[in-house]
Amino acid sequence: MKNDLLTIGQFTVHGYGLMIAIAIIAAYLSVEYRAKKKNLRPELIFNLTIWCAIGGILGAKLLYIITQIKNILADPKILLNISEGFVVYGGILGGILAGFLFCRKHKMPFLKYFDLVMPSIALAQGFGRIGCLLAGCCYGAETNSSFSLVFHHSDFAPRDIHLIPTQPISSALNFLNFFVLVFLSKYVKVDGQIGGFYLVFYSVGRFIIEFFRGDLERGSIAGLSTSQFISVFLFLIGITIIVITGLGAKKSAKKEERK
């Protein structure tokens, strides 16, 4: 695995950056395709994607700063490295907030677009984790198992050591999440529940995979990694969304029956 895929003169194609670009394009194309099928204003999907991408990047950077505040106070030069230092959960929350603001601006039903977009977020994360694999970040703990990865050129992962392949596992889980959510969207008719299922599925997978991560500089809270701590709350939020929207749909259905 090498992050520098191709160099032409002064220009270098980095694997992580390339996969992030592919992730954004894949998310956009899949959202636009599904928006056309659902008649959800496909002409606005490009702008929605840009808003969510910017919100996601800013959120990911902000959460990284929060988790690394002690190191940053000791060495503020860390902030000058804008190409590194992002936390996925910050990206998810920032992207959702940006999407909410976009929907408010254009008077669009947020929960419908929340359901439309979130499966594609999982798709984008699948490609993003391939970028992590190429760069060597988000690496796993050392292992004696033959089911492992060995990095020889990474600037992040320890070299020439067998590590649990957390990046490809995470990538596979994200792709699976995408396909499951798209499948469920054919049968789940309550607005907001597909987005809620995304939060549930992703937080459970992330909570488990964190036990096998080896990059411990990400911080910890109450004996859990920062991401595990956030996973607990997002899991509860996801369950709450599913339950509340379900109850709301039942109440609306009963009112319609009485008319």
C-alpha atoms as a PDB file:
ATOM      1  CA  MET A   1       0.000   0.000   0.000  1.00  0.00           C
ATOM      2  CA  LYS A   2       1.388   3.377  -1.071  1.00  0.00           C
ATOM      3  CA  ASN A   3      -0.300   6.758  -0.759  1.00  0.00           C
ATOM      4  CA  ASP A   4       1.713   8.355  -3.586  1.00  0.00           C
ATOM      5  CA  LEU A   5       0.194   6.617  -6.590  1.00  0.00           C
ATOM      6  CA  LEU A   6       1.560   8.734  -9.427  1.00  0.00           C
ATOM      7  CA  THR A   7       3.952  11.660  -9.773  1.00  0.00           C
ATOM      8  CA  ILE A   8       4.241  13.860 -12.859  1.00  0.00           C
ATOM      9  CA  GLY A   9       6.698  16.691 -12.356  1.00  0.00           C
ATOM     10  CA  GLN A  10       5.570  18.593  -9.271  1.00  0.00           C
ATOM     11  CA  PHE A  11       2.138  16.977  -9.284  1.00  0.00           C
ATOM     12  CA  THR A  12       1.477  13.874  -7.181  1.00  0.00           C
ATOM     13  CA  VAL A  13      -1.720  11.841  -7.089  1.00  0.00           C
ATOM     14  CA  HIS A  14      -2.248  10.737  -3.491  1.00  0.00           C
ATOM     15  CA  GLY A  15      -4.293   7.621  -2.877  1.00  0.00           C
ATOM     16  CA  TYR A  16      -6.242   9.067   0.044  1.00  0.00           C
ATOM     17  CA  GLY A  17      -7.198  12.233  -1.807  1.00  0.00           C
ATOM     18  CA  LEU A  18      -8.129  10.270  -4.930  1.00  0.00           C
ATOM     19  CA  MET A  19     -10.420   7.958  -2.977  1.00  0.00           C
ATOM     20  CA  ILE A  20     -12.091  10.902  -1.222  1.00  0.00           C
ATOM     21  CA  ALA A  21     -12.762  12.443  -4.640  1.00  0.00           C
ATOM     22  CA  ILE A  22     -14.186   9.129  -5.896  1.00  0.00           C
ATOM     23  CA  ALA A  23     -16.276   8.885  -2.713  1.00  0.00           C
ATOM     24  CA  ILE A  24     -17.853  12.311  -3.265  1.00  0.00           C
ATOM     25  CA  ILE A  25     -18.556  11.590  -6.948  1.00  0.00           C
ATOM     26  CA  ALA A  26     -20.041   8.184  -6.150  1.00  0.00           C
ATOM     27  CA  ALA A  27     -22.237   9.680  -3.440  1.00  0.00           C
ATOM     28  CA  TYR A  28     -23.442  12.428  -5.785  1.00  0.00           C
ATOM     29  CA  LEU A  29     -24.243  10.085  -8.663  1.00  0.00           C
ATOM     30  CA  SER A  30     -26.089   7.600  -6.462  1.00  0.00           C
ATOM     31  CA  VAL A  31     -28.102  10.329  -4.713  1.00  0.00           C
ATOM     32  CA  GLU A  32     -29.006  11.982  -8.013  1.00  0.00           C
ATOM     33  CA  TYR A  33     -30.073   8.650  -9.526  1.00  0.00           C
ATOM     34  CA  ARG A  34     -32.290   7.800  -6.568  1.00  0.00           C
ATOM     35  CA  ALA A  35     -33.655  11.380  -6.402  1.00  0.00           C
ATOM     36  CA  LYS A  36     -34.876  11.066 -10.004  1.00  0.00           C
ATOM     37  CA  LYS A  37     -36.636   7.792  -9.186  1.00  0.00           C
ATOM     38  CA  LYS A  38     -38.291   9.344  -6.142  1.00  0.00           C
ATOM     39  CA  ASN A  39     -39.055  12.740  -7.793  1.00  0.00           C
ATOM     40  CA  LEU A  40     -37.065  14.604  -5.143  1.00  0.00           C
ATOM     41  CA  ARG A  41     -35.771  17.620  -7.078  1.00  0.00           C
ATOM     42  CA  PRO A  42     -32.680  16.080  -8.706  1.00  0.00           C
ATOM     43  CA  GLU A  43     -31.662  19.511 -10.054  1.00  0.00           C
ATOM     44  CA  LEU A  44     -30.652  20.510  -6.505  1.00  0.00           C
ATOM     45  CA  ILE A  45     -28.655  17.374  -5.684  1.00  0.00           C
ATOM     46  CA  PHE A  46     -25.343  18.754  -6.959  1.00  0.00           C
ATOM     47  CA  ASN A  47     -25.572  21.805  -4.689  1.00  0.00           C
ATOM     48  CA  LEU A  48     -26.751  19.625  -1.804  1.00  0.00           C
ATOM     49  CA  THR A  49     -23.699  17.399  -2.318  1.00  0.00           C
ATOM     50  CA  ILE A  50     -21.368  20.411  -2.238  1.00  0.00           C
ATOM     51  CA  TRP A  51     -22.937  21.699   0.963  1.00  0.00           C
ATOM     52  CA  CYS A  52     -22.708  18.287   2.641  1.00  0.00           C
ATOM     53  CA  ALA A  53     -19.120  17.768   1.450  1.00  0.00           C
ATOM     54  CA  ILE A  54     -18.001  21.137   2.816  1.00  0.00           C
ATOM     55  CA  GLY A  55     -19.907  20.604   6.059  1.00  0.00           C
ATOM     56  CA  GLY A  56     -18.436  17.111   6.365  1.00  0.00           C
ATOM     57  CA  ILE A  57     -14.850  18.304   5.846  1.00  0.00           C
ATOM     58  CA  LEU A  58     -15.248  21.155   8.330  1.00  0.00           C
ATOM     59  CA  GLY A  59     -16.941  18.889  10.875  1.00  0.00           C
ATOM     60  CA  ALA A  60     -14.265  16.207  10.526  1.00  0.00           C
ATOM     61  CA  LYS A  61     -11.523  18.782  11.017  1.00  0.00           C
ATOM     62  CA  LEU A  62     -13.263  20.404  13.978  1.00  0.00           C
ATOM     63  CA  LEU A  63     -13.735  17.114  15.822  1.00  0.00           C
ATOM     64  CA  TYR A  64     -10.083  16.239  15.173  1.00  0.00           C
ATOM     65  CA  ILE A  65      -9.054  19.552  16.750  1.00  0.00           C
ATOM     66  CA  ILE A  66     -11.287  18.846  19.748  1.00  0.00           C
ATOM     67  CA  THR A  67      -9.833  15.352  20.257  1.00  0.00           C
ATOM     68  CA  GLN A  68      -6.259  16.607  19.829  1.00  0.00           C
ATOM     69  CA  ILE A  69      -6.587  19.875  21.723  1.00  0.00           C
ATOM     70  CA  LYS A  70      -3.817  19.029  24.214  1.00  0.00           C
ATOM     71  CA  ASN A  71      -1.339  18.221  21.465  1.00  0.00           C
ATOM     72  CA  ILE A  72      -2.364  21.299  19.493  1.00  0.00           C
ATOM     73  CA  LEU A  73      -1.880  23.575  22.501  1.00  0.00           C
ATOM     74  CA  ALA A  74       1.577  22.081  22.967  1.00  0.00           C
ATOM     75  CA  ASP A  75       2.396  22.419  19.263  1.00  0.00           C
ATOM     76  CA  PRO A  76       0.054  24.811  17.354  1.00  0.00           C
ATOM     77  CA  LYS A  77       1.935  24.065  14.125  1.00  0.00           C
ATOM     78  CA  ILE A  78      -0.192  20.916  13.894  1.00  0.00           C
ATOM     79  CA  LEU A  79      -3.008  23.145  12.610  1.00  0.00           C
ATOM     80  CA  LEU A  80      -0.926  24.156   9.595  1.00  0.00           C
ATOM     81  CA  ASN A  81      -1.151  20.634   8.199  1.00  0.00           C
ATOM     82  CA  ILE A  82      -4.599  21.014   6.636  1.00  0.00           C
ATOM     83  CA  SER A  83      -4.343  17.849   4.507  1.00  0.00           C
ATOM     84  CA  GLU A  84      -4.256  15.532   7.541  1.00  0.00           C
ATOM     85  CA  GLY A  85      -6.225  15.153  10.754  1.00  0.00           C
ATOM     86  CA  PHE A  86      -9.909  14.326  10.210  1.00  0.00           C
ATOM     87  CA  VAL A  87     -12.400  12.366  12.322  1.00  0.00           C
ATOM     88  CA  VAL A  88     -15.174  10.510  10.490  1.00  0.00           C
ATOM     89  CA  TYR A  89     -17.863  11.174  13.076  1.00  0.00           C
ATOM     90  CA  GLY A  90     -17.250  14.898  12.815  1.00  0.00           C
ATOM     91  CA  GLY A  91     -17.714  14.552   9.075  1.00  0.00           C
ATOM     92  CA  ILE A  92     -21.015  12.712   9.492  1.00  0.00           C
ATOM     93  CA  LEU A  93     -22.416  15.266  11.936  1.00  0.00           C
ATOM     94  CA  GLY A  94     -21.129  18.222   9.929  1.00  0.00           C
ATOM     95  CA  GLY A  95     -22.569  16.811   6.715  1.00  0.00           C
ATOM     96  CA  ILE A  96     -25.987  16.197   8.297  1.00  0.00           C
ATOM     97  CA  LEU A  97     -26.068  19.728   9.725  1.00  0.00           C
ATOM     98  CA  ALA A  98     -25.124  21.208   6.355  1.00  0.00           C
ATOM     99  CA  GLY A  99     -27.828  19.112   4.671  1.00  0.00           C
ATOM    100  CA  PHE A 100     -30.391  20.304   7.211  1.00  0.00           C
ATOM    101  CA  LEU A 101     -29.492  23.956   6.573  1.00  0.00           C
ATOM    102  CA  PHE A 102     -29.666  23.405   2.808  1.00  0.00           C
ATOM    103  CA  CYS A 103     -33.118  21.855   3.112  1.00  0.00           C
ATOM    104  CA  ARG A 104     -34.311  24.750   5.265  1.00  0.00           C
ATOM    105  CA  LYS A 105     -32.955  27.241   2.754  1.00  0.00           C
ATOM    106  CA  HIS A 106     -34.776  25.610  -0.150  1.00  0.00           C
ATOM    107  CA  LYS A 107     -37.892  24.612   1.815  1.00  0.00           C
ATOM    108  CA  MET A 108     -37.280  20.916   1.226  1.00  0.00           C
ATOM    109  CA  PRO A 109     -38.580  18.175   3.597  1.00  0.00           C
ATOM    110  CA  PHE A 110     -35.436  17.327   5.543  1.00  0.00           C
ATOM    111  CA  LEU A 111     -36.375  13.799   6.590  1.00  0.00           C
ATOM    112  CA  LYS A 112     -37.066  12.724   3.012  1.00  0.00           C
ATOM    113  CA  TYR A 113     -33.661  13.971   1.888  1.00  0.00           C
ATOM    114  CA  PHE A 114     -32.051  12.576   5.034  1.00  0.00           C
ATOM    115  CA  ASP A 115     -33.281   9.137   3.935  1.00  0.00           C
ATOM    116  CA  LEU A 116     -32.201   9.810   0.358  1.00  0.00           C
ATOM    117  CA  VAL A 117     -28.645  10.855   1.216  1.00  0.00           C
ATOM    118  CA  MET A 118     -27.570   8.620   4.102  1.00  0.00           C
ATOM    119  CA  PRO A 119     -27.182   5.367   2.125  1.00  0.00           C
ATOM    120  CA  SER A 120     -24.811   7.234  -0.195  1.00  0.00           C
ATOM    121  CA  ILE A 121     -22.845   8.459   2.821  1.00  0.00           C
ATOM    122  CA  ALA A 122     -22.182   4.811   3.625  1.00  0.00           C
ATOM    123  CA  LEU A 123     -21.103   4.285   0.009  1.00  0.00           C
ATOM    124  CA  ALA A 124     -18.717   7.231   0.229  1.00  0.00           C
ATOM    125  CA  GLN A 125     -17.289   5.906   3.493  1.00  0.00           C
ATOM    126  CA  GLY A 126     -16.562   2.588   1.806  1.00  0.00           C
ATOM    127  CA  PHE A 127     -14.331   4.346  -0.727  1.00  0.00           C
ATOM    128  CA  GLY A 128     -12.889   6.587   1.976  1.00  0.00           C
ATOM    129  CA  ARG A 129     -11.668   3.594   3.952  1.00  0.00           C
ATOM    130  CA  ILE A 130      -9.869   2.345   0.866  1.00  0.00           C
ATOM    131  CA  GLY A 131      -8.084   5.690   0.980  1.00  0.00           C
ATOM    132  CA  CYS A 132      -7.172   4.982   4.587  1.00  0.00           C
ATOM    133  CA  LEU A 133      -5.763   1.649   3.479  1.00  0.00           C
ATOM    134  CA  LEU A 134      -3.575   3.301   0.833  1.00  0.00           C
ATOM    135  CA  ALA A 135      -2.362   5.953   3.270  1.00  0.00           C
ATOM    136  CA  GLY A 136      -1.949   3.568   6.200  1.00  0.00           C
ATOM    137  CA  CYS A 137      -3.998   5.626   8.647  1.00  0.00           C
ATOM    138  CA  CYS A 138      -6.727   4.139  10.877  1.00  0.00           C
ATOM    139  CA  TYR A 139      -4.626   0.989  11.107  1.00  0.00           C
ATOM    140  CA  GLY A 140      -5.298  -2.057  13.249  1.00  0.00           C
ATOM    141  CA  ALA A 141      -3.578  -3.470  16.284  1.00  0.00           C
ATOM    142  CA  GLU A 142      -0.642  -5.839  15.985  1.00  0.00           C
ATOM    143  CA  THR A 143      -1.619  -9.473  15.437  1.00  0.00           C
ATOM    144  CA  ASN A 144      -0.081 -12.911  14.976  1.00  0.00           C
ATOM    145  CA  SER A 145      -2.898 -14.006  12.708  1.00  0.00           C
ATOM    146  CA  SER A 146      -2.309 -14.747   9.031  1.00  0.00           C
ATOM    147  CA  PHE A 147      -5.361 -12.553   8.366  1.00  0.00           C
ATOM    148  CA  SER A 148      -3.341  -9.363   8.539  1.00  0.00           C
ATOM    149  CA  LEU A 149      -1.742  -6.479   6.669  1.00  0.00           C
ATOM    150  CA  VAL A 150       1.894  -5.405   6.575  1.00  0.00           C
ATOM    151  CA  PHE A 151       2.773  -1.836   5.621  1.00  0.00           C
ATOM    152  CA  HIS A 152       6.199  -1.131   4.146  1.00  0.00           C
ATOM    153  CA  HIS A 153       5.840   2.479   2.993  1.00  0.00           C
ATOM    154  CA  SER A 154       3.242   4.122   5.247  1.00  0.00           C
ATOM    155  CA  ASP A 155       3.887   7.423   7.016  1.00  0.00           C
ATOM    156  CA  PHE A 156       1.241   6.513   9.607  1.00  0.00           C
ATOM    157  CA  ALA A 157       1.083   2.772  10.287  1.00  0.00           C
ATOM    158  CA  PRO A 158       4.024   0.961  11.886  1.00  0.00           C
ATOM    159  CA  ARG A 159       6.066  -0.684   9.157  1.00  0.00           C
ATOM    160  CA  ASP A 160       6.886  -4.365   8.652  1.00  0.00           C
ATOM    161  CA  ILE A 161       4.501  -5.471  11.399  1.00  0.00           C
ATOM    162  CA  HIS A 162       1.422  -7.698  10.972  1.00  0.00           C
ATOM    163  CA  LEU A 163      -1.668  -5.605  11.731  1.00  0.00           C
ATOM    164  CA  ILE A 164      -5.396  -6.392  11.888  1.00  0.00           C
ATOM    165  CA  PRO A 165      -6.841  -5.219   8.531  1.00  0.00           C
ATOM    166  CA  THR A 166      -9.282  -2.707  10.022  1.00  0.00           C
ATOM    167  CA  GLN A 167      -9.418  -0.520   6.901  1.00  0.00           C
ATOM    168  CA  PRO A 168     -10.667  -3.166   4.431  1.00  0.00           C
ATOM    169  CA  ILE A 169     -13.029  -4.564   7.077  1.00  0.00           C
ATOM    170  CA  SER A 170     -14.470  -1.089   7.652  1.00  0.00           C
ATOM    171  CA  SER A 171     -14.721  -0.522   3.912  1.00  0.00           C
ATOM    172  CA  ALA A 172     -16.624  -3.783   3.413  1.00  0.00           C
ATOM    173  CA  LEU A 173     -19.010  -2.956   6.270  1.00  0.00           C
ATOM    174  CA  ASN A 174     -19.726   0.470   4.787  1.00  0.00           C
ATOM    175  CA  PHE A 175     -20.451  -0.969   1.357  1.00  0.00           C
ATOM    176  CA  LEU A 176     -22.715  -3.557   3.006  1.00  0.00           C
ATOM    177  CA  ASN A 177     -24.470  -0.763   4.907  1.00  0.00           C
ATOM    178  CA  PHE A 178     -25.125   1.028   1.603  1.00  0.00           C
ATOM    179  CA  PHE A 179     -26.718  -1.997  -0.051  1.00  0.00           C
ATOM    180  CA  VAL A 180     -28.789  -2.892   3.033  1.00  0.00           C
ATOM    181  CA  LEU A 181     -30.121   0.664   3.354  1.00  0.00           C
ATOM    182  CA  VAL A 182     -31.009   0.869  -0.336  1.00  0.00           C
ATOM    183  CA  PHE A 183     -32.817  -2.467  -0.010  1.00  0.00           C
ATOM    184  CA  LEU A 184     -34.703  -1.311   3.093  1.00  0.00           C
ATOM    185  CA  SER A 185     -35.681   1.954   1.413  1.00  0.00           C
ATOM    186  CA  LYS A 186     -37.899  -0.056  -0.953  1.00  0.00           C
ATOM    187  CA  TYR A 187     -40.017  -1.215   1.979  1.00  0.00           C
ATOM    188  CA  VAL A 188     -39.629   1.413   4.718  1.00  0.00           C
ATOM    189  CA  LYS A 189     -42.107   4.206   3.961  1.00  0.00           C
ATOM    190  CA  VAL A 190     -41.750   6.330   7.097  1.00  0.00           C
ATOM    191  CA  ASP A 191     -39.642   9.441   6.497  1.00  0.00           C
ATOM    192  CA  GLY A 192     -36.498   9.557   8.631  1.00  0.00           C
ATOM    193  CA  GLN A 193     -36.224   5.855   9.394  1.00  0.00           C
ATOM    194  CA  ILE A 194     -33.630   5.007   6.720  1.00  0.00           C
ATOM    195  CA  GLY A 195     -31.420   7.751   8.132  1.00  0.00           C
ATOM    196  CA  GLY A 196     -32.060   6.359  11.589  1.00  0.00           C
ATOM    197  CA  PHE A 197     -31.079   2.854  10.451  1.00  0.00           C
ATOM    198  CA  TYR A 198     -27.871   4.284   8.998  1.00  0.00           C
ATOM    199  CA  LEU A 199     -26.940   5.736  12.401  1.00  0.00           C
ATOM    200  CA  VAL A 200     -27.736   2.444  14.129  1.00  0.00           C
ATOM    201  CA  PHE A 201     -25.862   0.210  11.686  1.00  0.00           C
ATOM    202  CA  TYR A 202     -22.817   2.433  11.380  1.00  0.00           C
ATOM    203  CA  SER A 203     -22.473   3.115  15.107  1.00  0.00           C
ATOM    204  CA  VAL A 204     -22.655  -0.607  15.954  1.00  0.00           C
ATOM    205  CA  GLY A 205     -20.048  -1.511  13.354  1.00  0.00           C
ATOM    206  CA  ARG A 206     -17.785   1.354  14.355  1.00  0.00           C
ATOM    207  CA  PHE A 207     -18.069   0.531  18.064  1.00  0.00           C
ATOM    208  CA  ILE A 208     -16.926  -3.041  17.408  1.00  0.00           C
ATOM    209  CA  ILE A 209     -14.123  -2.227  14.961  1.00  0.00           C
ATOM    210  CA  GLU A 210     -12.651   0.253  17.435  1.00  0.00           C
ATOM    211  CA  PHE A 211     -11.574  -2.637  19.667  1.00  0.00           C
ATOM    212  CA  PHE A 212      -9.209  -3.737  16.920  1.00  0.00           C
ATOM    213  CA  ARG A 213      -7.729  -0.353  16.030  1.00  0.00           C
ATOM    214  CA  GLY A 214      -4.095   0.344  16.847  1.00  0.00           C
ATOM    215  CA  ASP A 215      -3.892   4.121  16.425  1.00  0.00           C
ATOM    216  CA  LEU A 216      -4.589   4.985  20.031  1.00  0.00           C
ATOM    217  CA  GLU A 217      -3.697   8.682  19.724  1.00  0.00           C
ATOM    218  CA  ARG A 218      -7.361   9.318  18.860  1.00  0.00           C
ATOM    219  CA  GLY A 219      -8.184   9.858  22.524  1.00  0.00           C
ATOM    220  CA  SER A 220     -10.491   8.147  25.000  1.00  0.00           C
ATOM    221  CA  ILE A 221     -13.463   8.992  27.216  1.00  0.00           C
ATOM    222  CA  ALA A 222     -14.679   6.932  30.179  1.00  0.00           C
ATOM    223  CA  GLY A 223     -12.639   3.913  29.136  1.00  0.00           C
ATOM    224  CA  LEU A 224     -13.913   4.021  25.555  1.00  0.00           C
ATOM    225  CA  SER A 225     -12.230   5.458  22.495  1.00  0.00           C
ATOM    226  CA  THR A 226     -13.649   8.817  21.446  1.00  0.00           C
ATOM    227  CA  SER A 227     -15.383   7.158  18.486  1.00  0.00           C
ATOM    228  CA  GLN A 228     -16.917   4.457  20.691  1.00  0.00           C
ATOM    229  CA  PHE A 229     -18.193   7.107  23.069  1.00  0.00           C
ATOM    230  CA  ILE A 230     -19.829   8.970  20.180  1.00  0.00           C
ATOM    231  CA  SER A 231     -21.128   5.670  18.769  1.00  0.00           C
ATOM    232  CA  VAL A 232     -23.201   5.064  21.892  1.00  0.00           C
ATOM    233  CA  PHE A 233     -24.989   8.393  21.513  1.00  0.00           C
ATOM    234  CA  LEU A 234     -25.512   8.079  17.760  1.00  0.00           C
ATOM    235  CA  PHE A 235     -26.920   4.582  18.265  1.00  0.00           C
ATOM    236  CA  LEU A 236     -29.432   5.970  20.760  1.00  0.00           C
ATOM    237  CA  ILE A 237     -30.251   8.882  18.460  1.00  0.00           C
ATOM    238  CA  GLY A 238     -30.812   6.455  15.577  1.00  0.00           C
ATOM    239  CA  ILE A 239     -33.145   4.274  17.662  1.00  0.00           C
ATOM    240  CA  THR A 240     -34.996   7.394  18.857  1.00  0.00           C
ATOM    241  CA  ILE A 241     -35.495   8.617  15.287  1.00  0.00           C
ATOM    242  CA  ILE A 242     -36.859   5.231  14.200  1.00  0.00           C
ATOM    243  CA  VAL A 243     -39.254   4.992  17.145  1.00  0.00           C
ATOM    244  CA  ILE A 244     -40.502   8.597  17.073  1.00  0.00           C
ATOM    245  CA  THR A 245     -41.057   8.691  13.310  1.00  0.00           C
ATOM    246  CA  GLY A 246     -42.815   5.327  13.504  1.00  0.00           C
ATOM    247  CA  LEU A 247     -45.165   6.548  16.237  1.00  0.00           C
ATOM    248  CA  GLY A 248     -45.781   9.748  14.310  1.00  0.00           C
ATOM    249  CA  ALA A 249     -46.718   7.777  11.201  1.00  0.00           C
ATOM    250  CA  LYS A 250     -49.157   5.622  13.193  1.00  0.00           C
ATOM    251  CA  LYS A 251     -50.844   8.709  14.651  1.00  0.00           C
ATOM    252  CA  SER A 252     -51.180  10.247  11.192  1.00  0.00           C
ATOM    253  CA  ALA A 253     -52.629   7.015   9.857  1.00  0.00           C
ATOM    254  CA  LYS A 254     -55.241   6.901  12.646  1.00  0.00           C
ATOM    255  CA  LYS A 255     -56.236  10.510  11.980  1.00  0.00           C
ATOM    256  CA  GLU A 256     -56.729   9.687   8.310  1.00  0.00           C
ATOM    257  CA  GLU A 257     -58.924   6.712   9.231  1.00  0.00           C
ATOM    258  CA  ARG A 258     -61.166   8.914  11.387  1.00  0.00           C
ATOM    259  CA  LYS A 259     -61.801  11.383   8.570  1.00  0.00           C
END
